[in-house]
């Protein structure tokens, strides 16, 4: 009788493991549907010094980078590609 009980417990563990794995895959799929490739950006290593330097040139009024008197903005074609 004890052998049968252990088999059932092992089967339950296998079913629970399979269920968790399947559920995680579904959650991951729904996340990617909602947010696209955003999770890939979370894995990128950011150079803090470069980020601070770029932040100094960011112009929040125009949402672009300004170097000297020159604004660095996307062209109309680049906006259309978005």
PDB file of N, CA and C in Angstrom:
ATOM      1  N   UNK A   1       0.820  -1.189   0.000  1.00  0.00           N
ATOM      2  CA  UNK A   1       0.000   0.000   0.000  1.00  0.00           C
ATOM      3  C   UNK A   1       0.871   1.262   0.000  1.00  0.00           C
ATOM      4  N   UNK A   2       1.946   1.230   0.748  1.00  0.00           N
ATOM      5  CA  UNK A   2       2.824   2.389   0.822  1.00  0.00           C
ATOM      6  C   UNK A   2       3.459   2.679  -0.539  1.00  0.00           C
ATOM      7  N   UNK A   3       3.770   1.650  -1.283  1.00  0.00           N
ATOM      8  CA  UNK A   3       4.358   1.817  -2.614  1.00  0.00           C
ATOM      9  C   UNK A   3       3.383   2.553  -3.535  1.00  0.00           C
ATOM     10  N   UNK A   4       2.114   2.216  -3.476  1.00  0.00           N
ATOM     11  CA  UNK A   4       1.107   2.877  -4.301  1.00  0.00           C
ATOM     12  C   UNK A   4       0.961   4.344  -3.950  1.00  0.00           C
ATOM     13  N   UNK A   5       1.039   4.655  -2.665  1.00  0.00           N
ATOM     14  CA  UNK A   5       0.933   6.037  -2.217  1.00  0.00           C
ATOM     15  C   UNK A   5       2.115   6.865  -2.729  1.00  0.00           C
ATOM     16  N   UNK A   6       3.323   6.319  -2.670  1.00  0.00           N
ATOM     17  CA  UNK A   6       4.500   7.028  -3.169  1.00  0.00           C
ATOM     18  C   UNK A   6       4.414   7.269  -4.671  1.00  0.00           C
ATOM     19  N   UNK A   7       3.877   6.286  -5.403  1.00  0.00           N
ATOM     20  CA  UNK A   7       3.701   6.468  -6.845  1.00  0.00           C
ATOM     21  C   UNK A   7       2.747   7.624  -7.135  1.00  0.00           C
ATOM     22  N   UNK A   8       1.670   7.707  -6.358  1.00  0.00           N
ATOM     23  CA  UNK A   8       0.698   8.790  -6.555  1.00  0.00           C
ATOM     24  C   UNK A   8       1.322  10.147  -6.230  1.00  0.00           C
ATOM     25  N   UNK A   9       2.126  10.188  -5.174  1.00  0.00           N
ATOM     26  CA  UNK A   9       2.783  11.440  -4.806  1.00  0.00           C
ATOM     27  C   UNK A   9       3.748  11.869  -5.909  1.00  0.00           C
ATOM     28  N   UNK A  10       4.518  10.926  -6.440  1.00  0.00           N
ATOM     29  CA  UNK A  10       5.446  11.247  -7.523  1.00  0.00           C
ATOM     30  C   UNK A  10       4.697  11.710  -8.767  1.00  0.00           C
ATOM     31  N   UNK A  11       3.565  11.066  -9.065  1.00  0.00           N
ATOM     32  CA  UNK A  11       2.758  11.486 -10.208  1.00  0.00           C
ATOM     33  C   UNK A  11       2.224  12.904 -10.000  1.00  0.00           C
ATOM     34  N   UNK A  12       1.789  13.202  -8.782  1.00  0.00           N
ATOM     35  CA  UNK A  12       1.295  14.552  -8.485  1.00  0.00           C
ATOM     36  C   UNK A  12       2.393  15.596  -8.661  1.00  0.00           C
ATOM     37  N   UNK A  13       3.589  15.271  -8.231  1.00  0.00           N
ATOM     38  CA  UNK A  13       4.713  16.196  -8.389  1.00  0.00           C
ATOM     39  C   UNK A  13       4.992  16.432  -9.868  1.00  0.00           C
ATOM     40  N   UNK A  14       4.944  15.375 -10.660  1.00  0.00           N
ATOM     41  CA  UNK A  14       5.182  15.505 -12.101  1.00  0.00           C
ATOM     42  C   UNK A  14       4.108  16.376 -12.748  1.00  0.00           C
ATOM     43  N   UNK A  15       2.867  16.184 -12.352  1.00  0.00           N
ATOM     44  CA  UNK A  15       1.765  16.974 -12.906  1.00  0.00           C
ATOM     45  C   UNK A  15       1.904  18.437 -12.485  1.00  0.00           C
ATOM     46  N   UNK A  16       2.254  18.677 -11.231  1.00  0.00           N
ATOM     47  CA  UNK A  16       2.424  20.051 -10.760  1.00  0.00           C
ATOM     48  C   UNK A  16       3.576  20.747 -11.491  1.00  0.00           C
ATOM     49  N   UNK A  17       4.658  20.035 -11.697  1.00  0.00           N
ATOM     50  CA  UNK A  17       5.805  20.602 -12.412  1.00  0.00           C
ATOM     51  C   UNK A  17       5.421  20.947 -13.845  1.00  0.00           C
ATOM     52  N   UNK A  18       4.733  20.037 -14.507  1.00  0.00           N
ATOM     53  CA  UNK A  18       4.283  20.276 -15.877  1.00  0.00           C
ATOM     54  C   UNK A  18       3.336  21.474 -15.921  1.00  0.00           C
ATOM     55  N   UNK A  19       2.414  21.556 -14.964  1.00  0.00           N
ATOM     56  CA  UNK A  19       1.448  22.650 -14.916  1.00  0.00           C
ATOM     57  C   UNK A  19       2.143  23.996 -14.723  1.00  0.00           C
ATOM     58  N   UNK A  20       3.110  24.049 -13.816  1.00  0.00           N
ATOM     59  CA  UNK A  20       3.833  25.304 -13.577  1.00  0.00           C
ATOM     60  C   UNK A  20       4.602  25.735 -14.817  1.00  0.00           C
ATOM     61  N   UNK A  21       5.246  24.776 -15.473  1.00  0.00           N
ATOM     62  CA  UNK A  21       6.018  25.090 -16.676  1.00  0.00           C
ATOM     63  C   UNK A  21       5.108  25.622 -17.773  1.00  0.00           C
ATOM     64  N   UNK A  22       3.978  24.964 -17.975  1.00  0.00           N
ATOM     65  CA  UNK A  22       3.027  25.391 -18.997  1.00  0.00           C
ATOM     66  C   UNK A  22       2.473  26.770 -18.673  1.00  0.00           C
ATOM     67  N   UNK A  23       2.137  26.995 -17.420  1.00  0.00           N
ATOM     68  CA  UNK A  23       1.595  28.287 -17.004  1.00  0.00           C
ATOM     69  C   UNK A  23       2.617  29.402 -17.204  1.00  0.00           C
ATOM     70  N   UNK A  24       3.879  29.132 -16.880  1.00  0.00           N
ATOM     71  CA  UNK A  24       4.921  30.138 -17.063  1.00  0.00           C
ATOM     72  C   UNK A  24       5.080  30.498 -18.536  1.00  0.00           C
ATOM     73  N   UNK A  25       4.978  29.502 -19.407  1.00  0.00           N
ATOM     74  CA  UNK A  25       5.083  29.772 -20.843  1.00  0.00           C
ATOM     75  C   UNK A  25       3.931  30.650 -21.314  1.00  0.00           C
ATOM     76  N   UNK A  26       2.718  30.381 -20.808  1.00  0.00           N
ATOM     77  CA  UNK A  26       1.556  31.180 -21.203  1.00  0.00           C
ATOM     78  C   UNK A  26       1.690  32.613 -20.708  1.00  0.00           C
ATOM     79  N   UNK A  27       2.133  32.778 -19.473  1.00  0.00           N
ATOM     80  CA  UNK A  27       2.317  34.120 -18.926  1.00  0.00           C
ATOM     81  C   UNK A  27       3.353  34.876 -19.746  1.00  0.00           C
ATOM     82  N   UNK A  28       4.433  34.192 -20.110  1.00  0.00           N
ATOM     83  CA  UNK A  28       5.485  34.819 -20.909  1.00  0.00           C
ATOM     84  C   UNK A  28       4.938  35.249 -22.270  1.00  0.00           C
ATOM     85  N   UNK A  29       4.103  34.403 -22.888  1.00  0.00           N
ATOM     86  CA  UNK A  29       3.522  34.742 -24.185  1.00  0.00           C
ATOM     87  C   UNK A  29       2.617  35.964 -24.069  1.00  0.00           C
ATOM     88  N   UNK A  30       1.779  36.013 -23.025  1.00  0.00           N
ATOM     89  CA  UNK A  30       0.896  37.160 -22.839  1.00  0.00           C
ATOM     90  C   UNK A  30       1.694  38.435 -22.584  1.00  0.00           C
ATOM     91  N   UNK A  31       2.788  38.306 -21.849  1.00  0.00           N
ATOM     92  CA  UNK A  31       3.632  39.468 -21.577  1.00  0.00           C
ATOM     93  C   UNK A  31       4.218  40.005 -22.877  1.00  0.00           C
ATOM     94  N   UNK A  32       4.725  39.109 -23.727  1.00  0.00           N
ATOM     95  CA  UNK A  32       5.307  39.547 -24.997  1.00  0.00           C
ATOM     96  C   UNK A  32       4.251  40.131 -25.924  1.00  0.00           C
ATOM     97  N   UNK A  33       3.017  39.622 -25.858  1.00  0.00           N
ATOM     98  CA  UNK A  33       1.949  40.200 -26.670  1.00  0.00           C
ATOM     99  C   UNK A  33       1.653  41.628 -26.235  1.00  0.00           C
ATOM    100  N   UNK A  34       1.696  41.864 -24.945  1.00  0.00           N
ATOM    101  CA  UNK A  34       1.379  43.193 -24.430  1.00  0.00           C
ATOM    102  C   UNK A  34       2.522  44.184 -24.529  1.00  0.00           C
ATOM    103  N   UNK A  35       3.750  43.694 -24.359  1.00  0.00           N
ATOM    104  CA  UNK A  35       4.888  44.607 -24.274  1.00  0.00           C
ATOM    105  C   UNK A  35       5.921  44.426 -25.375  1.00  0.00           C
ATOM    106  N   UNK A  36       5.737  43.490 -26.263  1.00  0.00           N
ATOM    107  CA  UNK A  36       6.670  43.307 -27.374  1.00  0.00           C
ATOM    108  C   UNK A  36       8.048  42.887 -26.903  1.00  0.00           C
ATOM    109  N   UNK A  37       9.058  43.540 -27.426  1.00  0.00           N
ATOM    110  CA  UNK A  37      10.446  43.186 -27.116  1.00  0.00           C
ATOM    111  C   UNK A  37      11.015  43.974 -25.942  1.00  0.00           C
ATOM    112  N   UNK A  38      10.165  44.601 -25.168  1.00  0.00           N
ATOM    113  CA  UNK A  38      10.621  45.380 -24.019  1.00  0.00           C
ATOM    114  C   UNK A  38      11.485  44.582 -23.050  1.00  0.00           C
ATOM    115  N   UNK A  39      11.182  43.311 -22.786  1.00  0.00           N
ATOM    116  CA  UNK A  39      12.032  42.561 -21.844  1.00  0.00           C
ATOM    117  C   UNK A  39      13.486  42.465 -22.287  1.00  0.00           C
ATOM    118  N   UNK A  40      13.738  42.477 -23.584  1.00  0.00           N
ATOM    119  CA  UNK A  40      15.120  42.422 -24.052  1.00  0.00           C
ATOM    120  C   UNK A  40      15.894  43.668 -23.624  1.00  0.00           C
ATOM    121  N   UNK A  41      15.203  44.785 -23.528  1.00  0.00           N
ATOM    122  CA  UNK A  41      15.863  46.016 -23.100  1.00  0.00           C
ATOM    123  C   UNK A  41      16.271  45.956 -21.634  1.00  0.00           C
ATOM    124  N   UNK A  42      15.581  45.128 -20.859  1.00  0.00           N
ATOM    125  CA  UNK A  42      15.906  45.013 -19.438  1.00  0.00           C
ATOM    126  C   UNK A  42      17.236  44.304 -19.214  1.00  0.00           C
ATOM    127  N   UNK A  43      17.682  43.521 -20.199  1.00  0.00           N
ATOM    128  CA  UNK A  43      18.929  42.768 -20.066  1.00  0.00           C
ATOM    129  C   UNK A  43      20.150  43.518 -20.583  1.00  0.00           C
ATOM    130  N   UNK A  44      19.954  44.689 -21.168  1.00  0.00           N
ATOM    131  CA  UNK A  44      21.068  45.444 -21.737  1.00  0.00           C
ATOM    132  C   UNK A  44      21.854  46.116 -20.620  1.00  0.00           C
ATOM    133  N   UNK A  45      23.162  45.980 -20.689  1.00  0.00           N
ATOM    134  CA  UNK A  45      24.031  46.653 -19.721  1.00  0.00           C
ATOM    135  C   UNK A  45      24.198  48.110 -20.158  1.00  0.00           C
ATOM    136  N   UNK A  46      23.952  49.025 -19.250  1.00  0.00           N
ATOM    137  CA  UNK A  46      24.022  50.450 -19.553  1.00  0.00           C
ATOM    138  C   UNK A  46      25.329  51.021 -19.017  1.00  0.00           C
ATOM    139  N   UNK A  47      26.030  51.744 -19.876  1.00  0.00           N
ATOM    140  CA  UNK A  47      27.241  52.447 -19.459  1.00  0.00           C
ATOM    141  C   UNK A  47      26.795  53.724 -18.741  1.00  0.00           C
ATOM    142  N   UNK A  48      26.965  53.763 -17.434  1.00  0.00           N
ATOM    143  CA  UNK A  48      26.458  54.880 -16.635  1.00  0.00           C
ATOM    144  C   UNK A  48      27.090  56.211 -17.026  1.00  0.00           C
ATOM    145  N   UNK A  49      28.366  56.197 -17.336  1.00  0.00           N
ATOM    146  CA  UNK A  49      29.045  57.440 -17.713  1.00  0.00           C
ATOM    147  C   UNK A  49      28.518  57.969 -19.046  1.00  0.00           C
ATOM    148  N   UNK A  50      28.316  57.071 -19.999  1.00  0.00           N
ATOM    149  CA  UNK A  50      27.766  57.482 -21.288  1.00  0.00           C
ATOM    150  C   UNK A  50      26.342  58.003 -21.118  1.00  0.00           C
ATOM    151  N   UNK A  51      25.560  57.331 -20.287  1.00  0.00           N
ATOM    152  CA  UNK A  51      24.176  57.747 -20.052  1.00  0.00           C
ATOM    153  C   UNK A  51      24.128  59.148 -19.435  1.00  0.00           C
ATOM    154  N   UNK A  52      25.010  59.410 -18.476  1.00  0.00           N
ATOM    155  CA  UNK A  52      25.058  60.744 -17.855  1.00  0.00           C
ATOM    156  C   UNK A  52      25.467  61.806 -18.874  1.00  0.00           C
ATOM    157  N   UNK A  53      26.411  61.463 -19.733  1.00  0.00           N
ATOM    158  CA  UNK A  53      26.847  62.415 -20.759  1.00  0.00           C
ATOM    159  C   UNK A  53      25.716  62.708 -21.740  1.00  0.00           C
ATOM    160  N   UNK A  54      24.995  61.680 -22.156  1.00  0.00           N
ATOM    161  CA  UNK A  54      23.876  61.884 -23.080  1.00  0.00           C
ATOM    162  C   UNK A  54      22.756  62.684 -22.429  1.00  0.00           C
ATOM    163  N   UNK A  55      22.533  62.459 -21.137  1.00  0.00           N
ATOM    164  CA  UNK A  55      21.468  63.176 -20.430  1.00  0.00           C
ATOM    165  C   UNK A  55      21.725  64.679 -20.423  1.00  0.00           C
ATOM    166  N   UNK A  56      22.972  65.075 -20.449  1.00  0.00           N
ATOM    167  CA  UNK A  56      23.295  66.504 -20.469  1.00  0.00           C
ATOM    168  C   UNK A  56      22.893  67.163 -21.784  1.00  0.00           C
ATOM    169  N   UNK A  57      22.854  66.382 -22.858  1.00  0.00           N
ATOM    170  CA  UNK A  57      22.520  66.928 -24.167  1.00  0.00           C
ATOM    171  C   UNK A  57      21.041  66.749 -24.529  1.00  0.00           C
ATOM    172  N   UNK A  58      20.259  66.112 -23.663  1.00  0.00           N
ATOM    173  CA  UNK A  58      18.843  65.866 -23.949  1.00  0.00           C
ATOM    174  C   UNK A  58      18.051  67.156 -23.761  1.00  0.00           C
ATOM    175  N   UNK A  59      17.224  67.475 -24.749  1.00  0.00           N
ATOM    176  CA  UNK A  59      16.371  68.657 -24.695  1.00  0.00           C
ATOM    177  C   UNK A  59      14.930  68.183 -24.496  1.00  0.00           C
ATOM    178  N   UNK A  60      14.403  68.229 -23.268  1.00  0.00           N
ATOM    179  CA  UNK A  60      13.060  67.698 -23.011  1.00  0.00           C
ATOM    180  C   UNK A  60      11.951  68.492 -23.694  1.00  0.00           C
ATOM    181  N   UNK A  61      12.190  69.749 -23.989  1.00  0.00           N
ATOM    182  CA  UNK A  61      11.170  70.565 -24.649  1.00  0.00           C
ATOM    183  C   UNK A  61      10.863  70.032 -26.041  1.00  0.00           C
ATOM    184  N   UNK A  62      11.906  69.665 -26.778  1.00  0.00           N
ATOM    185  CA  UNK A  62      11.746  69.185 -28.147  1.00  0.00           C
ATOM    186  C   UNK A  62      11.875  67.669 -28.267  1.00  0.00           C
ATOM    187  N   UNK A  63      12.157  66.996 -27.164  1.00  0.00           N
ATOM    188  CA  UNK A  63      12.356  65.535 -27.154  1.00  0.00           C
ATOM    189  C   UNK A  63      13.414  65.114 -28.172  1.00  0.00           C
ATOM    190  N   UNK A  64      14.560  65.745 -28.092  1.00  0.00           N
ATOM    191  CA  UNK A  64      15.665  65.416 -28.989  1.00  0.00           C
ATOM    192  C   UNK A  64      16.981  65.739 -28.289  1.00  0.00           C
ATOM    193  N   UNK A  65      18.066  65.328 -28.899  1.00  0.00           N
ATOM    194  CA  UNK A  65      19.392  65.672 -28.394  1.00  0.00           C
ATOM    195  C   UNK A  65      19.851  66.945 -29.094  1.00  0.00           C
ATOM    196  N   UNK A  66      20.476  67.840 -28.348  1.00  0.00           N
ATOM    197  CA  UNK A  66      20.992  69.083 -28.906  1.00  0.00           C
ATOM    198  C   UNK A  66      22.488  69.149 -28.648  1.00  0.00           C
ATOM    199  N   UNK A  67      23.267  69.174 -29.727  1.00  0.00           N
ATOM    200  CA  UNK A  67      24.722  69.281 -29.646  1.00  0.00           C
ATOM    201  C   UNK A  67      25.113  70.634 -30.213  1.00  0.00           C
ATOM    202  N   UNK A  68      25.538  71.538 -29.348  1.00  0.00           N
ATOM    203  CA  UNK A  68      25.828  72.895 -29.797  1.00  0.00           C
ATOM    204  C   UNK A  68      24.527  73.551 -30.217  1.00  0.00           C
ATOM    205  N   UNK A  69      24.446  73.973 -31.447  1.00  0.00           N
ATOM    206  CA  UNK A  69      23.213  74.557 -31.958  1.00  0.00           C
ATOM    207  C   UNK A  69      22.458  73.617 -32.877  1.00  0.00           C
ATOM    208  N   UNK A  70      22.854  72.347 -32.911  1.00  0.00           N
ATOM    209  CA  UNK A  70      22.272  71.385 -33.843  1.00  0.00           C
ATOM    210  C   UNK A  70      21.395  70.398 -33.078  1.00  0.00           C
ATOM    211  N   UNK A  71      20.158  70.233 -33.563  1.00  0.00           N
ATOM    212  CA  UNK A  71      19.244  69.257 -32.964  1.00  0.00           C
ATOM    213  C   UNK A  71      19.346  67.938 -33.708  1.00  0.00           C
ATOM    214  N   UNK A  72      19.459  66.862 -32.967  1.00  0.00           N
ATOM    215  CA  UNK A  72      19.525  65.527 -33.550  1.00  0.00           C
ATOM    216  C   UNK A  72      18.153  64.881 -33.381  1.00  0.00           C
ATOM    217  N   UNK A  73      17.384  64.847 -34.471  1.00  0.00           N
ATOM    218  CA  UNK A  73      16.027  64.304 -34.432  1.00  0.00           C
ATOM    219  C   UNK A  73      15.852  63.304 -35.570  1.00  0.00           C
ATOM    220  N   UNK A  74      14.922  62.363 -35.415  1.00  0.00           N
ATOM    221  CA  UNK A  74      14.646  61.426 -36.512  1.00  0.00           C
ATOM    222  C   UNK A  74      14.023  62.143 -37.707  1.00  0.00           C
ATOM    223  N   UNK A  75      14.273  61.605 -38.886  1.00  0.00           N
ATOM    224  CA  UNK A  75      13.663  62.159 -40.094  1.00  0.00           C
ATOM    225  C   UNK A  75      12.226  61.673 -40.201  1.00  0.00           C
ATOM    226  N   UNK A  76      11.487  62.228 -41.146  1.00  0.00           N
ATOM    227  CA  UNK A  76      10.103  61.819 -41.364  1.00  0.00           C
ATOM    228  C   UNK A  76      10.048  60.340 -41.729  1.00  0.00           C
ATOM    229  N   UNK A  77      11.000  59.876 -42.530  1.00  0.00           N
ATOM    230  CA  UNK A  77      11.030  58.471 -42.930  1.00  0.00           C
ATOM    231  C   UNK A  77      11.230  57.563 -41.715  1.00  0.00           C
ATOM    232  N   UNK A  78      12.079  58.005 -40.799  1.00  0.00           N
ATOM    233  CA  UNK A  78      12.312  57.197 -39.597  1.00  0.00           C
ATOM    234  C   UNK A  78      11.075  57.160 -38.708  1.00  0.00           C
ATOM    235  N   UNK A  79      10.344  58.272 -38.632  1.00  0.00           N
ATOM    236  CA  UNK A  79       9.091  58.276 -37.881  1.00  0.00           C
ATOM    237  C   UNK A  79       8.069  57.345 -38.521  1.00  0.00           C
ATOM    238  N   UNK A  80       8.026  57.323 -39.851  1.00  0.00           N
ATOM    239  CA  UNK A  80       7.070  56.459 -40.551  1.00  0.00           C
ATOM    240  C   UNK A  80       7.389  54.990 -40.324  1.00  0.00           C
ATOM    241  N   UNK A  81       8.670  54.668 -40.139  1.00  0.00           N
ATOM    242  CA  UNK A  81       9.065  53.279 -39.907  1.00  0.00           C
ATOM    243  C   UNK A  81       8.645  52.796 -38.525  1.00  0.00           C
ATOM    244  N   UNK A  82       8.427  53.717 -37.601  1.00  0.00           N
ATOM    245  CA  UNK A  82       7.989  53.331 -36.261  1.00  0.00           C
ATOM    246  C   UNK A  82       6.585  52.866 -36.355  1.00  0.00           C
TER     247      UNK A  82
END
